[in-house]
Amino acid sequence: MATVELTPRVRASNERALLEQRARLLARVGIAWHVLEFGIAVGAGLAAGSIALVGFGADSLIEASAGGIVLWLFSGRRRGSRRAERRAQQLIAVSFFALGVYVAAESIRTLGGGHHPGTSWLGIALAGFTAPTMPALALAKRRLARRLGSAAAVQEAAQSQLCAYLSVALLVGLGANALAGWWWADPVAAIVVAAAAVHEGRHSWRGDGCCELC
């Protein structure tokens, strides 16, 4: 039986289809985790009276929406569309801005009101798990995004990386509150993360190139 030799164009098309399938799979994994993360964080935050934990849960929903944008980008007629790529970048930029504004506002309100949240060991465990696992997911997403040449997908990977930073800030804040009574450590660290989110949002809105962002 004779074998059929695939042309370079067909091979490239098949390879891209496989990469897009992997990108959608990683996006779905991220969405599933962020929805679970949202439930745990909000539940623990309400129980402990921790605005930071509730804010972390809100961040999880924003990141899940960014994963949904990637699914939208690599589905149907939008695959390979420059217009869809640009629209995806702008939508992800808006999610970055929303995250930055929300976290900053909640942090300032916490500092100004002098609200002292209770200790949440569940929140500490959640942050301790998320901090080392999110960078691995972000790296896998970023590598795929670079191979696909998608700046929007790179920015979505940056959201996963930002989740790791926010987890570290949350871990430091909750740990300092639990061990030393430093209730203000959490909102101060979160303000730094909010500034990073706005910075990433500006990159995405301007449409910076994929390789430049990596």
C-alpha atoms as a PDB file:
ATOM      1  CA  MET A   1       0.000   0.000   0.000  1.00  0.00           C
ATOM      2  CA  ALA A   2       1.547   3.321  -1.067  1.00  0.00           C
ATOM      3  CA  THR A   3       2.097   6.010   1.537  1.00  0.00           C
ATOM      4  CA  VAL A   4       0.886   9.554   0.894  1.00  0.00           C
ATOM      5  CA  GLU A   5       3.554  12.241   1.182  1.00  0.00           C
ATOM      6  CA  LEU A   6       2.186  15.317   2.972  1.00  0.00           C
ATOM      7  CA  THR A   7       3.183  18.689   1.576  1.00  0.00           C
ATOM      8  CA  PRO A   8       4.971  21.161   3.915  1.00  0.00           C
ATOM      9  CA  ARG A   9       1.850  23.323   3.908  1.00  0.00           C
ATOM     10  CA  VAL A  10      -0.366  20.447   5.025  1.00  0.00           C
ATOM     11  CA  ARG A  11       2.134  19.393   7.691  1.00  0.00           C
ATOM     12  CA  ALA A  12       2.294  22.956   9.021  1.00  0.00           C
ATOM     13  CA  SER A  13      -1.511  23.142   9.083  1.00  0.00           C
ATOM     14  CA  ASN A  14      -1.759  19.847  10.966  1.00  0.00           C
ATOM     15  CA  GLU A  15       0.904  20.941  13.458  1.00  0.00           C
ATOM     16  CA  ARG A  16      -0.884  24.223  14.141  1.00  0.00           C
ATOM     17  CA  ALA A  17      -4.187  22.414  14.634  1.00  0.00           C
ATOM     18  CA  LEU A  18      -2.496  20.188  17.223  1.00  0.00           C
ATOM     19  CA  LEU A  19      -0.983  23.197  18.996  1.00  0.00           C
ATOM     20  CA  GLU A  20      -4.357  24.951  19.076  1.00  0.00           C
ATOM     21  CA  GLN A  21      -5.913  21.804  20.535  1.00  0.00           C
ATOM     22  CA  ARG A  22      -3.281  21.797  23.304  1.00  0.00           C
ATOM     23  CA  ALA A  23      -3.875  25.500  23.946  1.00  0.00           C
ATOM     24  CA  ARG A  24      -7.606  24.869  24.362  1.00  0.00           C
ATOM     25  CA  LEU A  25      -6.886  21.960  26.717  1.00  0.00           C
ATOM     26  CA  LEU A  26      -4.617  24.080  28.933  1.00  0.00           C
ATOM     27  CA  ALA A  27      -7.212  26.863  28.915  1.00  0.00           C
ATOM     28  CA  ARG A  28      -9.890  24.408  30.077  1.00  0.00           C
ATOM     29  CA  VAL A  29      -7.616  23.077  32.837  1.00  0.00           C
ATOM     30  CA  GLY A  30      -6.979  26.639  34.002  1.00  0.00           C
ATOM     31  CA  ILE A  31     -10.677  27.526  33.934  1.00  0.00           C
ATOM     32  CA  ALA A  32     -11.615  24.434  35.951  1.00  0.00           C
ATOM     33  CA  TRP A  33      -8.984  25.190  38.597  1.00  0.00           C
ATOM     34  CA  HIS A  34      -9.881  28.883  38.849  1.00  0.00           C
ATOM     35  CA  VAL A  35     -13.576  28.089  39.359  1.00  0.00           C
ATOM     36  CA  LEU A  36     -12.647  25.685  42.176  1.00  0.00           C
ATOM     37  CA  GLU A  37     -10.206  28.257  43.550  1.00  0.00           C
ATOM     38  CA  PHE A  38     -12.970  30.871  43.523  1.00  0.00           C
ATOM     39  CA  GLY A  39     -15.259  28.707  45.648  1.00  0.00           C
ATOM     40  CA  ILE A  40     -12.563  27.869  48.207  1.00  0.00           C
ATOM     41  CA  ALA A  41     -11.200  31.417  48.467  1.00  0.00           C
ATOM     42  CA  VAL A  42     -14.565  33.144  48.817  1.00  0.00           C
ATOM     43  CA  GLY A  43     -15.809  30.568  51.346  1.00  0.00           C
ATOM     44  CA  ALA A  44     -12.648  30.845  53.450  1.00  0.00           C
ATOM     45  CA  GLY A  45     -12.608  34.629  53.079  1.00  0.00           C
ATOM     46  CA  LEU A  46     -16.160  35.078  54.303  1.00  0.00           C
ATOM     47  CA  ALA A  47     -15.521  32.725  57.215  1.00  0.00           C
ATOM     48  CA  ALA A  48     -12.406  34.626  58.307  1.00  0.00           C
ATOM     49  CA  GLY A  49     -13.618  38.098  57.348  1.00  0.00           C
ATOM     50  CA  SER A  50     -10.643  38.398  54.973  1.00  0.00           C
ATOM     51  CA  ILE A  51     -11.121  40.900  52.155  1.00  0.00           C
ATOM     52  CA  ALA A  52      -7.846  39.699  50.638  1.00  0.00           C
ATOM     53  CA  LEU A  53      -9.138  36.136  50.307  1.00  0.00           C
ATOM     54  CA  VAL A  54     -12.432  37.312  48.797  1.00  0.00           C
ATOM     55  CA  GLY A  55     -10.418  39.487  46.408  1.00  0.00           C
ATOM     56  CA  PHE A  56      -8.304  36.485  45.507  1.00  0.00           C
ATOM     57  CA  GLY A  57     -11.495  34.650  44.656  1.00  0.00           C
ATOM     58  CA  ALA A  58     -12.607  37.520  42.406  1.00  0.00           C
ATOM     59  CA  ASP A  59      -9.213  37.361  40.711  1.00  0.00           C
ATOM     60  CA  SER A  60      -9.838  33.661  40.032  1.00  0.00           C
ATOM     61  CA  LEU A  61     -13.036  34.484  38.128  1.00  0.00           C
ATOM     62  CA  ILE A  62     -11.233  37.136  36.082  1.00  0.00           C
ATOM     63  CA  GLU A  63      -8.522  34.641  35.180  1.00  0.00           C
ATOM     64  CA  ALA A  64     -11.161  32.060  34.239  1.00  0.00           C
ATOM     65  CA  SER A  65     -12.676  34.637  31.878  1.00  0.00           C
ATOM     66  CA  ALA A  66      -9.242  35.163  30.283  1.00  0.00           C
ATOM     67  CA  GLY A  67      -9.055  31.414  29.665  1.00  0.00           C
ATOM     68  CA  GLY A  68     -12.460  31.641  28.018  1.00  0.00           C
ATOM     69  CA  ILE A  69     -11.114  34.331  25.689  1.00  0.00           C
ATOM     70  CA  VAL A  70      -8.352  31.947  24.557  1.00  0.00           C
ATOM     71  CA  LEU A  71     -10.962  29.256  23.858  1.00  0.00           C
ATOM     72  CA  TRP A  72     -12.891  31.843  21.832  1.00  0.00           C
ATOM     73  CA  LEU A  73      -9.763  32.853  19.911  1.00  0.00           C
ATOM     74  CA  PHE A  74      -8.824  29.314  18.850  1.00  0.00           C
ATOM     75  CA  SER A  75     -12.318  28.183  17.863  1.00  0.00           C
ATOM     76  CA  GLY A  76     -14.309  28.368  14.650  1.00  0.00           C
ATOM     77  CA  ARG A  77     -13.536  30.968  11.996  1.00  0.00           C
ATOM     78  CA  ARG A  78     -11.496  33.063  14.419  1.00  0.00           C
ATOM     79  CA  ARG A  79      -8.546  30.654  14.184  1.00  0.00           C
ATOM     80  CA  GLY A  80      -5.660  32.481  12.522  1.00  0.00           C
ATOM     81  CA  SER A  81      -7.621  35.741  12.287  1.00  0.00           C
ATOM     82  CA  ARG A  82      -5.548  38.854  12.989  1.00  0.00           C
ATOM     83  CA  ARG A  83      -8.677  40.801  13.847  1.00  0.00           C
ATOM     84  CA  ALA A  84      -9.725  38.174  16.405  1.00  0.00           C
ATOM     85  CA  GLU A  85      -6.168  38.142  17.806  1.00  0.00           C
ATOM     86  CA  ARG A  86      -6.280  41.905  18.345  1.00  0.00           C
ATOM     87  CA  ARG A  87      -9.748  41.751  19.903  1.00  0.00           C
ATOM     88  CA  ALA A  88      -8.570  38.993  22.258  1.00  0.00           C
ATOM     89  CA  GLN A  89      -5.599  41.135  23.328  1.00  0.00           C
ATOM     90  CA  GLN A  90      -7.918  44.014  24.155  1.00  0.00           C
ATOM     91  CA  LEU A  91     -10.344  41.814  26.092  1.00  0.00           C
ATOM     92  CA  ILE A  92      -7.491  40.345  28.148  1.00  0.00           C
ATOM     93  CA  ALA A  93      -6.146  43.865  28.748  1.00  0.00           C
ATOM     94  CA  VAL A  94      -9.545  44.885  30.141  1.00  0.00           C
ATOM     95  CA  SER A  95      -9.476  41.872  32.485  1.00  0.00           C
ATOM     96  CA  PHE A  96      -6.009  42.929  33.692  1.00  0.00           C
ATOM     97  CA  PHE A  97      -7.246  46.467  34.376  1.00  0.00           C
ATOM     98  CA  ALA A  98     -10.324  45.138  36.197  1.00  0.00           C
ATOM     99  CA  LEU A  99      -8.127  42.938  38.362  1.00  0.00           C
ATOM    100  CA  GLY A 100      -5.709  45.772  39.168  1.00  0.00           C
ATOM    101  CA  VAL A 101      -8.440  48.265  40.056  1.00  0.00           C
ATOM    102  CA  TYR A 102     -10.361  45.753  42.181  1.00  0.00           C
ATOM    103  CA  VAL A 103      -7.362  44.523  44.161  1.00  0.00           C
ATOM    104  CA  ALA A 104      -6.031  48.054  44.710  1.00  0.00           C
ATOM    105  CA  ALA A 105      -9.420  49.383  45.830  1.00  0.00           C
ATOM    106  CA  GLU A 106      -9.985  46.514  48.263  1.00  0.00           C
ATOM    107  CA  SER A 107      -6.455  46.832  49.641  1.00  0.00           C
ATOM    108  CA  ILE A 108      -6.766  50.589  50.228  1.00  0.00           C
ATOM    109  CA  ARG A 109     -10.171  50.090  51.844  1.00  0.00           C
ATOM    110  CA  THR A 110      -8.707  47.445  54.155  1.00  0.00           C
ATOM    111  CA  LEU A 111      -5.811  49.705  55.156  1.00  0.00           C
ATOM    112  CA  GLY A 112      -8.019  52.746  55.635  1.00  0.00           C
ATOM    113  CA  GLY A 113     -10.654  50.902  57.632  1.00  0.00           C
ATOM    114  CA  GLY A 114      -8.175  49.082  59.828  1.00  0.00           C
ATOM    115  CA  HIS A 115     -10.130  45.863  59.379  1.00  0.00           C
ATOM    116  CA  HIS A 116      -8.391  42.941  61.107  1.00  0.00           C
ATOM    117  CA  PRO A 117      -9.259  39.635  59.423  1.00  0.00           C
ATOM    118  CA  GLY A 118      -9.181  36.381  61.362  1.00  0.00           C
ATOM    119  CA  THR A 119      -6.705  33.577  60.745  1.00  0.00           C
ATOM    120  CA  SER A 120      -7.535  31.318  57.792  1.00  0.00           C
ATOM    121  CA  TRP A 121      -5.443  28.150  57.586  1.00  0.00           C
ATOM    122  CA  LEU A 122      -7.540  27.007  54.639  1.00  0.00           C
ATOM    123  CA  GLY A 123      -6.614  30.207  52.811  1.00  0.00           C
ATOM    124  CA  ILE A 124      -2.944  29.686  53.661  1.00  0.00           C
ATOM    125  CA  ALA A 125      -3.107  26.118  52.317  1.00  0.00           C
ATOM    126  CA  LEU A 126      -4.790  27.329  49.102  1.00  0.00           C
ATOM    127  CA  ALA A 127      -2.165  30.023  48.529  1.00  0.00           C
ATOM    128  CA  GLY A 128       0.616  27.563  49.377  1.00  0.00           C
ATOM    129  CA  PHE A 129      -0.647  25.151  46.712  1.00  0.00           C
ATOM    130  CA  THR A 130      -1.306  27.771  44.033  1.00  0.00           C
ATOM    131  CA  ALA A 131       2.009  29.640  44.370  1.00  0.00           C
ATOM    132  CA  PRO A 132       4.207  26.798  42.998  1.00  0.00           C
ATOM    133  CA  THR A 133       1.705  25.245  40.563  1.00  0.00           C
ATOM    134  CA  MET A 134       0.593  28.364  38.643  1.00  0.00           C
ATOM    135  CA  PRO A 135       4.107  29.154  37.273  1.00  0.00           C
ATOM    136  CA  ALA A 136       4.247  25.660  35.732  1.00  0.00           C
ATOM    137  CA  LEU A 137       0.871  26.188  34.030  1.00  0.00           C
ATOM    138  CA  ALA A 138       1.926  29.672  32.908  1.00  0.00           C
ATOM    139  CA  LEU A 139       5.163  28.305  31.408  1.00  0.00           C
ATOM    140  CA  ALA A 140       3.314  25.597  29.451  1.00  0.00           C
ATOM    141  CA  LYS A 141       0.819  28.171  28.145  1.00  0.00           C
ATOM    142  CA  ARG A 142       3.573  30.625  27.216  1.00  0.00           C
ATOM    143  CA  ARG A 143       5.541  28.031  25.244  1.00  0.00           C
ATOM    144  CA  LEU A 144       2.447  27.095  23.258  1.00  0.00           C
ATOM    145  CA  ALA A 145       1.589  30.759  22.688  1.00  0.00           C
ATOM    146  CA  ARG A 146       5.067  31.447  21.298  1.00  0.00           C
ATOM    147  CA  ARG A 147       4.818  28.515  18.901  1.00  0.00           C
ATOM    148  CA  LEU A 148       1.403  29.741  17.794  1.00  0.00           C
ATOM    149  CA  GLY A 149       2.660  33.312  17.451  1.00  0.00           C
ATOM    150  CA  SER A 150      -0.245  34.577  19.571  1.00  0.00           C
ATOM    151  CA  ALA A 151       0.405  37.664  21.690  1.00  0.00           C
ATOM    152  CA  ALA A 152      -3.083  37.332  23.190  1.00  0.00           C
ATOM    153  CA  ALA A 153      -2.301  33.806  24.396  1.00  0.00           C
ATOM    154  CA  VAL A 154       0.988  35.080  25.846  1.00  0.00           C
ATOM    155  CA  GLN A 155      -0.947  37.667  27.835  1.00  0.00           C
ATOM    156  CA  GLU A 156      -3.346  34.992  29.095  1.00  0.00           C
ATOM    157  CA  ALA A 157      -0.292  33.025  30.254  1.00  0.00           C
ATOM    158  CA  ALA A 158       0.869  36.181  32.032  1.00  0.00           C
ATOM    159  CA  GLN A 159      -2.427  36.148  33.926  1.00  0.00           C
ATOM    160  CA  SER A 160      -1.581  32.676  35.238  1.00  0.00           C
ATOM    161  CA  GLN A 161       1.842  33.957  36.285  1.00  0.00           C
ATOM    162  CA  LEU A 162       0.226  36.931  37.984  1.00  0.00           C
ATOM    163  CA  CYS A 163      -1.971  34.487  39.892  1.00  0.00           C
ATOM    164  CA  ALA A 164       1.233  32.968  41.296  1.00  0.00           C
ATOM    165  CA  TYR A 165       2.454  36.410  42.414  1.00  0.00           C
ATOM    166  CA  LEU A 166      -0.887  37.140  44.035  1.00  0.00           C
ATOM    167  CA  SER A 167      -0.735  33.742  45.762  1.00  0.00           C
ATOM    168  CA  VAL A 168       2.677  34.583  47.210  1.00  0.00           C
ATOM    169  CA  ALA A 169       1.384  37.966  48.385  1.00  0.00           C
ATOM    170  CA  LEU A 170      -1.655  36.268  49.906  1.00  0.00           C
ATOM    171  CA  LEU A 171       0.526  33.623  51.576  1.00  0.00           C
ATOM    172  CA  VAL A 172       2.806  36.282  53.064  1.00  0.00           C
ATOM    173  CA  GLY A 173      -0.125  38.390  54.214  1.00  0.00           C
ATOM    174  CA  LEU A 174      -2.163  35.573  55.725  1.00  0.00           C
ATOM    175  CA  GLY A 175       0.946  34.026  57.282  1.00  0.00           C
ATOM    176  CA  ALA A 176       2.067  37.317  58.801  1.00  0.00           C
ATOM    177  CA  ASN A 177      -1.420  37.879  60.189  1.00  0.00           C
ATOM    178  CA  ALA A 178      -1.622  34.356  61.616  1.00  0.00           C
ATOM    179  CA  LEU A 179       1.887  34.222  63.105  1.00  0.00           C
ATOM    180  CA  ALA A 180       2.718  37.834  63.964  1.00  0.00           C
ATOM    181  CA  GLY A 181      -0.595  39.664  63.920  1.00  0.00           C
ATOM    182  CA  TRP A 182       0.523  41.918  61.031  1.00  0.00           C
ATOM    183  CA  TRP A 183      -2.903  42.397  59.489  1.00  0.00           C
ATOM    184  CA  TRP A 184      -1.635  45.152  57.150  1.00  0.00           C
ATOM    185  CA  ALA A 185       0.931  42.909  55.354  1.00  0.00           C
ATOM    186  CA  ASP A 186      -1.703  41.365  53.074  1.00  0.00           C
ATOM    187  CA  PRO A 187      -3.188  44.574  51.599  1.00  0.00           C
ATOM    188  CA  VAL A 188       0.261  46.158  51.180  1.00  0.00           C
ATOM    189  CA  ALA A 189       1.532  43.168  49.175  1.00  0.00           C
ATOM    190  CA  ALA A 190      -1.697  43.106  47.146  1.00  0.00           C
ATOM    191  CA  ILE A 191      -1.199  46.730  46.057  1.00  0.00           C
ATOM    192  CA  VAL A 192       2.116  45.728  44.468  1.00  0.00           C
ATOM    193  CA  VAL A 193       0.358  42.932  42.590  1.00  0.00           C
ATOM    194  CA  ALA A 194      -2.342  45.366  41.423  1.00  0.00           C
ATOM    195  CA  ALA A 195       0.346  47.619  39.941  1.00  0.00           C
ATOM    196  CA  ALA A 196       1.807  44.625  38.084  1.00  0.00           C
ATOM    197  CA  ALA A 197      -1.632  43.784  36.678  1.00  0.00           C
ATOM    198  CA  VAL A 198      -2.097  47.305  35.302  1.00  0.00           C
ATOM    199  CA  HIS A 199       1.404  47.157  33.772  1.00  0.00           C
ATOM    200  CA  GLU A 200       0.586  43.888  31.970  1.00  0.00           C
ATOM    201  CA  GLY A 201      -2.748  45.323  30.854  1.00  0.00           C
ATOM    202  CA  ARG A 202      -1.001  48.264  29.184  1.00  0.00           C
ATOM    203  CA  HIS A 203       1.246  45.858  27.252  1.00  0.00           C
ATOM    204  CA  SER A 204      -1.735  43.863  26.025  1.00  0.00           C
ATOM    205  CA  TRP A 205      -3.807  46.919  25.071  1.00  0.00           C
ATOM    206  CA  ARG A 206      -0.945  48.364  23.009  1.00  0.00           C
ATOM    207  CA  GLY A 207      -0.681  45.060  21.149  1.00  0.00           C
ATOM    208  CA  ASP A 208       2.957  44.357  21.962  1.00  0.00           C
ATOM    209  CA  GLY A 209       4.445  41.508  19.958  1.00  0.00           C
ATOM    210  CA  CYS A 210       4.465  37.940  21.179  1.00  0.00           C
ATOM    211  CA  CYS A 211       8.230  37.535  21.279  1.00  0.00           C
ATOM    212  CA  GLU A 212       8.696  40.893  22.996  1.00  0.00           C
ATOM    213  CA  LEU A 213       6.299  39.904  25.754  1.00  0.00           C
ATOM    214  CA  CYS A 214       7.873  36.519  26.336  1.00  0.00           C
END
